[in-house]
C-alpha atoms as a PDB file:
ATOM      1  CA  VAL A   1      -3.842  42.360  19.848  1.00  0.00           C
ATOM      2  CA  MET A   2      -0.067  41.687  20.316  1.00  0.00           C
ATOM      3  CA  ARG A   3      -0.675  39.025  22.696  1.00  0.00           C
ATOM      4  CA  PRO A   4      -1.552  36.282  20.414  1.00  0.00           C
ATOM      5  CA  GLN A   5       1.038  37.168  18.006  1.00  0.00           C
ATOM      6  CA  GLN A   6       3.853  36.994  20.658  1.00  0.00           C
ATOM      7  CA  LYS A   7       2.522  33.544  21.784  1.00  0.00           C
ATOM      8  CA  ARG A   8       2.541  32.168  17.968  1.00  0.00           C
ATOM      9  CA  GLU A   9       6.354  33.544  17.672  1.00  0.00           C
ATOM     10  CA  ARG A  10       7.242  32.249  21.094  1.00  0.00           C
ATOM     11  CA  GLN A  11       5.788  28.740  19.872  1.00  0.00           C
ATOM     12  CA  ARG A  12       7.573  28.769  16.702  1.00  0.00           C
ATOM     13  CA  ARG A  13      11.073  29.488  17.915  1.00  0.00           C
ATOM     14  CA  LEU A  14      10.395  26.648  20.562  1.00  0.00           C
ATOM     15  CA  MET A  15       9.395  24.238  17.557  1.00  0.00           C
ATOM     16  CA  LEU A  16      12.412  25.390  15.568  1.00  0.00           C
ATOM     17  CA  SER A  17      14.664  24.733  18.580  1.00  0.00           C
ATOM     18  CA  ALA A  18      13.496  21.379  19.315  1.00  0.00           C
ATOM     19  CA  LEU A  19      14.111  20.202  15.833  1.00  0.00           C
ATOM     20  CA  GLY A  20      16.029  16.908  15.690  1.00  0.00           C
ATOM     21  CA  LYS A  21      17.394  14.383  13.583  1.00  0.00           C
ATOM     22  CA  GLY A  22      14.715  11.858  12.255  1.00  0.00           C
ATOM     23  CA  ASP A  23      11.860  14.462  12.690  1.00  0.00           C
ATOM     24  CA  THR A  24       9.654  14.849   9.300  1.00  0.00           C
ATOM     25  CA  VAL A  25       9.057  18.610   8.349  1.00  0.00           C
ATOM     26  CA  ILE A  26       7.409  20.678   6.129  1.00  0.00           C
ATOM     27  CA  THR A  27       8.903  23.642   4.538  1.00  0.00           C
ATOM     28  CA  SER A  28       7.385  26.889   3.914  1.00  0.00           C
ATOM     29  CA  GLY A  29       7.711  26.251   0.017  1.00  0.00           C
ATOM     30  CA  GLY A  30       5.916  23.055   0.522  1.00  0.00           C
ATOM     31  CA  ILE A  31       8.700  20.581   0.501  1.00  0.00           C
ATOM     32  CA  LYS A  32       8.516  17.786   2.888  1.00  0.00           C
ATOM     33  CA  GLY A  33      11.682  15.773   4.280  1.00  0.00           C
ATOM     34  CA  THR A  34      13.180  13.983   7.192  1.00  0.00           C
ATOM     35  CA  VAL A  35      15.950  16.154   8.993  1.00  0.00           C
ATOM     36  CA  VAL A  36      19.217  14.559   8.593  1.00  0.00           C
ATOM     37  CA  GLY A  37      21.640  17.307   9.492  1.00  0.00           C
ATOM     38  CA  LEU A  38      21.330  20.254  11.743  1.00  0.00           C
ATOM     39  CA  SER A  39      23.613  23.745  12.487  1.00  0.00           C
ATOM     40  CA  GLU A  40      22.547  26.504  14.429  1.00  0.00           C
ATOM     41  CA  SER A  41      21.436  28.397  11.358  1.00  0.00           C
ATOM     42  CA  SER A  42      20.507  25.722   8.818  1.00  0.00           C
ATOM     43  CA  VAL A  43      18.820  21.991   8.571  1.00  0.00           C
ATOM     44  CA  VAL A  44      19.532  19.549   5.989  1.00  0.00           C
ATOM     45  CA  LEU A  45      16.441  17.558   4.859  1.00  0.00           C
ATOM     46  CA  ARG A  46      16.267  14.188   2.901  1.00  0.00           C
ATOM     47  CA  VAL A  47      13.655  14.501   0.338  1.00  0.00           C
ATOM     48  CA  ASP A  48      14.341  11.443  -1.567  1.00  0.00           C
ATOM     49  CA  ASP A  49      16.616   8.200  -1.193  1.00  0.00           C
ATOM     50  CA  ASN A  50      19.592  10.084  -2.829  1.00  0.00           C
ATOM     51  CA  THR A  51      18.419  13.943  -2.586  1.00  0.00           C
ATOM     52  CA  LYS A  52      19.201  16.301   0.458  1.00  0.00           C
ATOM     53  CA  ILE A  53      18.514  19.899   0.575  1.00  0.00           C
ATOM     54  CA  GLU A  54      19.864  22.659   2.859  1.00  0.00           C
ATOM     55  CA  PHE A  55      17.632  25.215   4.209  1.00  0.00           C
ATOM     56  CA  ILE A  56      17.850  27.832   6.629  1.00  0.00           C
ATOM     57  CA  ARG A  57      15.749  27.139   9.944  1.00  0.00           C
ATOM     58  CA  GLN A  58      13.256  29.638   9.466  1.00  0.00           C
ATOM     59  CA  ALA A  59      12.046  27.940   6.146  1.00  0.00           C
ATOM     60  CA  VAL A  60      10.723  25.193   8.378  1.00  0.00           C
ATOM     61  CA  SER A  61       7.118  25.934   8.886  1.00  0.00           C
ATOM     62  CA  GLN A  62       5.682  22.474  10.546  1.00  0.00           C
ATOM     63  CA  VAL A  63       7.005  19.574  12.405  1.00  0.00           C
ATOM     64  CA  LEU A  64       4.646  16.385  11.730  1.00  0.00           C
ATOM     65  CA  PRO A  65       3.881  14.086  14.470  1.00  0.00           C
ATOM     66  CA  LYS A  66       5.366  10.680  14.693  1.00  0.00           C
ATOM     67  CA  ASP A  67       2.065   9.162  14.475  1.00  0.00           C
ATOM     68  CA  ALA A  68       1.234  10.707  11.233  1.00  0.00           C
ATOM     69  CA  GLU A  69       4.364   9.715   9.565  1.00  0.00           C
ATOM     70  CA  ALA A  70       3.337   5.901  10.246  1.00  0.00           C
ATOM     71  CA  LYS A  71      -0.158   6.460   8.827  1.00  0.00           C
ATOM     72  CA  GLN A  72       1.090   7.844   5.607  1.00  0.00           C
ATOM     73  CA  GLN A  73       3.568   4.887   4.822  1.00  0.00           C
ATOM     74  CA  ASP A  74       0.674   2.513   5.289  1.00  0.00           C
END
C-alpha cells in the first residue's frame, strides 16, 4: 500500500525540481501559465501578457508537454 504512494511522491519531487523557465504548468487551483521566474521555494507564472503571479512550488500540479502547448495555440 505504501509503495505506490512513495513512487508518486518521488515523481512529484522530480517534476518540481526539474521546472525551468518557459515550461507551461497548471497549478492545483487550475491556473495555467508559463514559468518566467524560479526560486528555491516559489515560482512566478505569466498568465497573461502583462500579468505575473507568484506561487509556492508545491502549488504546481502538472507540467504540460511541449507538443501539447503547440497544439493548443493552433
